[in-house]
Amino acid sequence: MNEGRDRGLWFHTAAIEATLANTVRDPKKKRKPWKTIEFHPWEENDKRERDKRTRRKADGKVDVSILKAVFVDRRGLSEIEDEFGI
């Protein structure tokens, strides 16, 4: 329960930080505006962990080995969830 409250408070703080950063952002150097998630310490770490579990590559594509596990190896849902973190 406390973790949920803390995350909510961090979203509030991260939104303020993103707003402040966007007010002084130089559009020539950083074309895209800052996102709230980039200032939220827990969510950024969670995103990194999710990317590791889903085996995302640097270009954003996902490893298709999960398809092999389903259709070729005929693994069950629980095995796939454990291995791939779905």
Protein backbone atom coordinates (compact mmCIF):
# COMPACT_ATOMS: atom_id res chain seq x y z
CA MET A 1 0.00 0.00 0.00
CA ASN A 2 2.81 2.37 0.80
CA GLU A 3 4.57 1.51 -2.43
CA GLY A 4 1.51 2.54 -4.45
CA ARG A 5 1.30 5.85 -2.59
CA ASP A 6 5.01 6.48 -3.12
CA ARG A 7 4.71 5.74 -6.85
CA GLY A 8 1.81 8.18 -7.09
CA LEU A 9 3.79 10.88 -5.34
CA TRP A 10 6.73 10.23 -7.64
CA PHE A 11 4.48 10.58 -10.68
CA HIS A 12 3.48 13.99 -9.38
CA THR A 13 7.10 15.00 -8.82
CA ALA A 14 8.22 13.56 -12.16
CA ALA A 15 5.49 15.50 -13.98
CA ILE A 16 6.70 18.74 -12.41
CA GLU A 17 10.31 17.92 -13.28
CA ALA A 18 9.40 17.10 -16.89
CA THR A 19 7.46 20.36 -17.19
CA LEU A 20 10.39 22.37 -15.85
CA ALA A 21 12.85 20.58 -18.11
CA ASN A 22 10.66 21.25 -21.14
CA THR A 23 10.49 24.98 -20.37
CA VAL A 24 14.28 25.30 -20.69
CA ARG A 25 14.74 22.66 -23.42
CA ASP A 26 16.57 23.78 -26.53
CA PRO A 27 14.56 22.38 -29.47
CA LYS A 28 17.65 22.39 -31.66
CA LYS A 29 19.52 20.05 -29.32
CA LYS A 30 16.63 17.90 -28.10
CA ARG A 31 13.82 17.77 -30.60
CA LYS A 32 11.42 15.60 -28.60
CA PRO A 33 10.07 16.92 -25.29
CA TRP A 34 10.92 15.20 -22.04
CA LYS A 35 8.43 12.59 -20.84
CA THR A 36 7.31 12.12 -17.25
CA ILE A 37 8.55 8.53 -17.25
CA GLU A 38 12.12 9.73 -17.84
CA PHE A 39 12.09 11.44 -14.43
CA HIS A 40 10.33 8.68 -12.49
CA PRO A 41 13.03 6.54 -10.85
CA TRP A 42 10.90 3.46 -10.24
CA GLU A 43 9.16 3.37 -13.58
CA GLU A 44 12.39 3.83 -15.53
CA ASN A 45 13.91 0.89 -13.66
CA ASP A 46 10.75 -1.16 -14.21
CA LYS A 47 10.93 -0.33 -17.93
CA ARG A 48 14.52 -1.57 -18.10
CA GLU A 49 13.54 -4.78 -16.35
CA ARG A 50 10.58 -5.32 -18.70
CA ASP A 51 12.85 -4.77 -21.68
CA LYS A 52 15.28 -7.35 -20.36
CA ARG A 53 12.50 -9.86 -19.73
CA THR A 54 10.96 -9.40 -23.16
CA ARG A 55 14.40 -9.51 -24.72
CA ARG A 56 14.14 -6.22 -26.54
CA LYS A 57 17.02 -5.30 -28.76
CA ALA A 58 18.53 -1.83 -29.11
CA ASP A 59 16.35 -1.04 -32.12
CA GLY A 60 13.16 -1.83 -30.16
CA LYS A 61 12.44 -5.16 -31.80
CA VAL A 62 11.55 -8.20 -29.71
CA ASP A 63 13.27 -11.55 -29.94
CA VAL A 64 10.98 -14.04 -31.71
CA SER A 65 12.24 -17.06 -29.79
CA ILE A 66 8.91 -17.07 -27.94
CA LEU A 67 7.25 -18.13 -31.20
CA LYS A 68 9.60 -21.09 -31.46
CA ALA A 69 8.78 -22.06 -27.88
CA VAL A 70 5.05 -22.00 -28.61
CA PHE A 71 4.79 -23.48 -32.07
CA VAL A 72 7.85 -25.70 -32.46
CA ASP A 73 8.69 -26.84 -28.91
CA ARG A 74 4.99 -26.85 -27.89
CA ARG A 75 5.70 -25.55 -24.39
CA GLY A 76 2.90 -24.79 -21.99
CA LEU A 77 1.78 -21.33 -20.97
CA SER A 78 3.32 -21.52 -17.49
CA GLU A 79 6.71 -22.52 -18.91
CA ILE A 80 6.65 -19.63 -21.37
CA GLU A 81 5.59 -17.15 -18.68
CA ASP A 82 8.47 -18.25 -16.46
CA GLU A 83 11.09 -18.11 -19.19
CA PHE A 84 10.03 -14.93 -20.95
CA GLY A 85 8.57 -12.98 -18.02
CA ILE A 86 5.20 -12.36 -19.61
